[in-house]
Amino acid sequence: MFLASDAVAPTALTSLRSDRAARRFCDRLVDLGAVRELTGRDTFRLYGV
């Protein structure tokens, strides 16, 4: 999904079953350097490659 779109919101990751799980997954990918956070905001974040 990250490679197909310019930006992905964690809520778009419906296979993870909860918003919190999706947000933690995206934060983990940022920590690993696979994706980066694009918005710089705490309330609404977008992630991309």
C-alpha atoms as a PDB file:
ATOM      1  CA  MET A   1       0.000   0.000   0.000  1.00  0.00           C
ATOM      2  CA  PHE A   2       2.858   2.414   0.774  1.00  0.00           C
ATOM      3  CA  LEU A   3       4.397   1.842  -2.646  1.00  0.00           C
ATOM      4  CA  ALA A   4       1.111   2.298  -4.512  1.00  0.00           C
ATOM      5  CA  SER A   5       0.116   5.622  -2.893  1.00  0.00           C
ATOM      6  CA  ASP A   6       1.900   8.894  -2.286  1.00  0.00           C
ATOM      7  CA  ALA A   7       0.633   9.050   1.303  1.00  0.00           C
ATOM      8  CA  VAL A   8      -1.165   6.578   3.542  1.00  0.00           C
ATOM      9  CA  ALA A   9      -3.209   7.296   6.653  1.00  0.00           C
ATOM     10  CA  PRO A  10      -3.069   4.591   9.333  1.00  0.00           C
ATOM     11  CA  THR A  11      -6.851   4.260   9.169  1.00  0.00           C
ATOM     12  CA  ALA A  12      -6.474   2.927   5.620  1.00  0.00           C
ATOM     13  CA  LEU A  13      -4.751  -0.180   6.994  1.00  0.00           C
ATOM     14  CA  THR A  14      -7.993  -2.011   7.710  1.00  0.00           C
ATOM     15  CA  SER A  15      -6.353  -5.436   7.933  1.00  0.00           C
ATOM     16  CA  LEU A  16      -4.833  -4.501  11.316  1.00  0.00           C
ATOM     17  CA  ARG A  17      -8.353  -4.317  12.840  1.00  0.00           C
ATOM     18  CA  SER A  18      -7.848  -1.234  15.024  1.00  0.00           C
ATOM     19  CA  ASP A  19      -6.694   2.343  14.602  1.00  0.00           C
ATOM     20  CA  ARG A  20      -4.222   1.994  17.444  1.00  0.00           C
ATOM     21  CA  ALA A  21      -2.599  -1.094  15.927  1.00  0.00           C
ATOM     22  CA  ALA A  22      -2.325   0.647  12.556  1.00  0.00           C
ATOM     23  CA  ARG A  23      -0.744   3.733  14.139  1.00  0.00           C
ATOM     24  CA  ARG A  24       1.770   1.645  16.103  1.00  0.00           C
ATOM     25  CA  PHE A  25       2.612  -0.321  12.946  1.00  0.00           C
ATOM     26  CA  CYS A  26       3.286   2.889  11.025  1.00  0.00           C
ATOM     27  CA  ASP A  27       5.343   4.295  13.905  1.00  0.00           C
ATOM     28  CA  ARG A  28       7.392   1.089  13.927  1.00  0.00           C
ATOM     29  CA  LEU A  29       8.023   1.396  10.191  1.00  0.00           C
ATOM     30  CA  VAL A  30       9.244   4.955  10.778  1.00  0.00           C
ATOM     31  CA  ASP A  31      11.610   3.712  13.503  1.00  0.00           C
ATOM     32  CA  LEU A  32      12.987   1.103  11.106  1.00  0.00           C
ATOM     33  CA  GLY A  33      13.449   3.693   8.353  1.00  0.00           C
ATOM     34  CA  ALA A  34      11.080   2.012   5.900  1.00  0.00           C
ATOM     35  CA  VAL A  35       8.648   4.947   5.710  1.00  0.00           C
ATOM     36  CA  ARG A  36       8.566   8.519   6.967  1.00  0.00           C
ATOM     37  CA  GLU A  37       5.901  10.655   8.585  1.00  0.00           C
ATOM     38  CA  LEU A  38       4.869  13.415   6.187  1.00  0.00           C
ATOM     39  CA  THR A  39       2.592  15.780   8.111  1.00  0.00           C
ATOM     40  CA  GLY A  40       4.520  16.664  11.276  1.00  0.00           C
ATOM     41  CA  ARG A  41       1.320  16.786  13.315  1.00  0.00           C
ATOM     42  CA  ASP A  42       0.255  14.712  16.315  1.00  0.00           C
ATOM     43  CA  THR A  43      -3.472  14.456  15.629  1.00  0.00           C
ATOM     44  CA  PHE A  44      -3.480  13.438  11.973  1.00  0.00           C
ATOM     45  CA  ARG A  45      -0.527  11.749  10.357  1.00  0.00           C
ATOM     46  CA  LEU A  46       0.251  10.614   6.852  1.00  0.00           C
ATOM     47  CA  TYR A  47       3.063   8.230   6.015  1.00  0.00           C
ATOM     48  CA  GLY A  48       4.945   7.645   2.784  1.00  0.00           C
ATOM     49  CA  VAL A  49       8.075   6.164   1.310  1.00  0.00           C
END
